[in-house]
Amino acid sequence: DSYFLTRHQSQIMKDILTKINKRNPLPEFFSVTGNHGTGKSLVIYGIIKELNKEFNICVVHCGILNNGH
């Protein structure tokens, strides 16, 4: 909870949550793609935080970690 989303990131998160909430049953997989440094991980963390209130969530990060991770 020590991060802030930009207005654009918050809107993307809201849009994704709206789409998820409209689907029944909930899809098993989602993919978020974009350029590095665009806040994909932060948006995903925010989505997970909200969904974790109702669902058991598993996140798999795929990529090469660097010293900052």
C-alpha atoms as a PDB file:
ATOM      1  CA  ASP A   1       0.000   0.000   0.000  1.00  0.00           C
ATOM      2  CA  SER A   2       2.999   2.315  -0.320  1.00  0.00           C
ATOM      3  CA  TYR A   3       2.480   3.384  -3.910  1.00  0.00           C
ATOM      4  CA  PHE A   4       0.310   5.816  -5.831  1.00  0.00           C
ATOM      5  CA  LEU A   5      -1.346   5.309  -9.178  1.00  0.00           C
ATOM      6  CA  THR A   6      -1.578   8.090 -11.714  1.00  0.00           C
ATOM      7  CA  ARG A   7      -5.029   9.171 -12.829  1.00  0.00           C
ATOM      8  CA  HIS A   8      -4.510   7.192 -16.056  1.00  0.00           C
ATOM      9  CA  GLN A   9      -3.427   4.049 -14.183  1.00  0.00           C
ATOM     10  CA  SER A  10      -6.393   4.384 -11.806  1.00  0.00           C
ATOM     11  CA  GLN A  11      -8.761   4.595 -14.762  1.00  0.00           C
ATOM     12  CA  ILE A  12      -7.225   1.510 -16.373  1.00  0.00           C
ATOM     13  CA  MET A  13      -7.607  -0.375 -13.081  1.00  0.00           C
ATOM     14  CA  LYS A  14     -11.231   0.741 -12.779  1.00  0.00           C
ATOM     15  CA  ASP A  15     -11.961  -0.295 -16.388  1.00  0.00           C
ATOM     16  CA  ILE A  16     -10.432  -3.745 -15.871  1.00  0.00           C
ATOM     17  CA  LEU A  17     -12.320  -4.298 -12.603  1.00  0.00           C
ATOM     18  CA  THR A  18     -15.562  -3.288 -14.316  1.00  0.00           C
ATOM     19  CA  LYS A  19     -14.950  -5.825 -17.092  1.00  0.00           C
ATOM     20  CA  ILE A  20     -14.092  -8.528 -14.561  1.00  0.00           C
ATOM     21  CA  ASN A  21     -17.228  -7.827 -12.530  1.00  0.00           C
ATOM     22  CA  LYS A  22     -19.435  -8.074 -15.632  1.00  0.00           C
ATOM     23  CA  ARG A  23     -18.193 -11.568 -16.497  1.00  0.00           C
ATOM     24  CA  ASN A  24     -19.800 -14.622 -15.023  1.00  0.00           C
ATOM     25  CA  PRO A  25     -18.046 -16.934 -14.441  1.00  0.00           C
ATOM     26  CA  LEU A  26     -14.744 -15.158 -13.804  1.00  0.00           C
ATOM     27  CA  PRO A  27     -12.113 -15.988 -16.456  1.00  0.00           C
ATOM     28  CA  GLU A  28      -9.154 -17.960 -15.154  1.00  0.00           C
ATOM     29  CA  PHE A  29      -6.457 -15.864 -16.829  1.00  0.00           C
ATOM     30  CA  PHE A  30      -5.809 -12.234 -17.696  1.00  0.00           C
ATOM     31  CA  SER A  31      -2.761 -10.730 -19.343  1.00  0.00           C
ATOM     32  CA  VAL A  32      -1.496  -7.166 -18.938  1.00  0.00           C
ATOM     33  CA  THR A  33       1.071  -5.965 -21.452  1.00  0.00           C
ATOM     34  CA  GLY A  34       2.854  -2.695 -22.099  1.00  0.00           C
ATOM     35  CA  ASN A  35       6.215  -0.994 -22.236  1.00  0.00           C
ATOM     36  CA  HIS A  36       8.583  -1.077 -19.284  1.00  0.00           C
ATOM     37  CA  GLY A  37       8.060   1.614 -16.684  1.00  0.00           C
ATOM     38  CA  THR A  38       4.387   2.194 -17.512  1.00  0.00           C
ATOM     39  CA  GLY A  39       3.065   0.941 -14.167  1.00  0.00           C
ATOM     40  CA  LYS A  40       1.697  -2.434 -15.211  1.00  0.00           C
ATOM     41  CA  SER A  41       2.773  -4.093 -11.956  1.00  0.00           C
ATOM     42  CA  LEU A  42       1.259  -1.347  -9.814  1.00  0.00           C
ATOM     43  CA  VAL A  43      -2.039  -1.569 -11.686  1.00  0.00           C
ATOM     44  CA  ILE A  44      -2.019  -5.346 -11.249  1.00  0.00           C
ATOM     45  CA  TYR A  45      -1.270  -5.024  -7.523  1.00  0.00           C
ATOM     46  CA  GLY A  46      -4.245  -2.675  -7.175  1.00  0.00           C
ATOM     47  CA  ILE A  47      -6.520  -5.072  -9.058  1.00  0.00           C
ATOM     48  CA  ILE A  48      -5.331  -8.000  -6.955  1.00  0.00           C
ATOM     49  CA  LYS A  49      -5.933  -6.054  -3.755  1.00  0.00           C
ATOM     50  CA  GLU A  50      -9.553  -5.478  -4.773  1.00  0.00           C
ATOM     51  CA  LEU A  51     -10.208  -8.977  -6.120  1.00  0.00           C
ATOM     52  CA  ASN A  52      -8.542 -10.648  -3.147  1.00  0.00           C
ATOM     53  CA  LYS A  53     -11.505  -9.510  -1.047  1.00  0.00           C
ATOM     54  CA  GLU A  54     -13.695 -12.076  -2.858  1.00  0.00           C
ATOM     55  CA  PHE A  55     -11.394 -14.502  -4.676  1.00  0.00           C
ATOM     56  CA  ASN A  56      -8.212 -16.477  -4.130  1.00  0.00           C
ATOM     57  CA  ILE A  57      -5.692 -14.906  -6.483  1.00  0.00           C
ATOM     58  CA  CYS A  58      -2.463 -16.352  -7.870  1.00  0.00           C
ATOM     59  CA  VAL A  59      -0.019 -14.068  -9.675  1.00  0.00           C
ATOM     60  CA  VAL A  60       2.833 -15.384 -11.793  1.00  0.00           C
ATOM     61  CA  HIS A  61       5.468 -12.822 -12.787  1.00  0.00           C
ATOM     62  CA  CYS A  62       7.392 -13.828 -15.893  1.00  0.00           C
ATOM     63  CA  GLY A  63      10.574 -11.988 -16.622  1.00  0.00           C
ATOM     64  CA  ILE A  64      14.180 -11.470 -15.736  1.00  0.00           C
ATOM     65  CA  LEU A  65      14.576  -9.712 -12.394  1.00  0.00           C
ATOM     66  CA  ASN A  66      17.169  -7.006 -11.912  1.00  0.00           C
ATOM     67  CA  ASN A  67      18.818  -5.636  -8.748  1.00  0.00           C
ATOM     68  CA  GLY A  68      15.866  -3.281  -8.177  1.00  0.00           C
ATOM     69  CA  HIS A  69      13.464  -6.180  -7.756  1.00  0.00           C
END
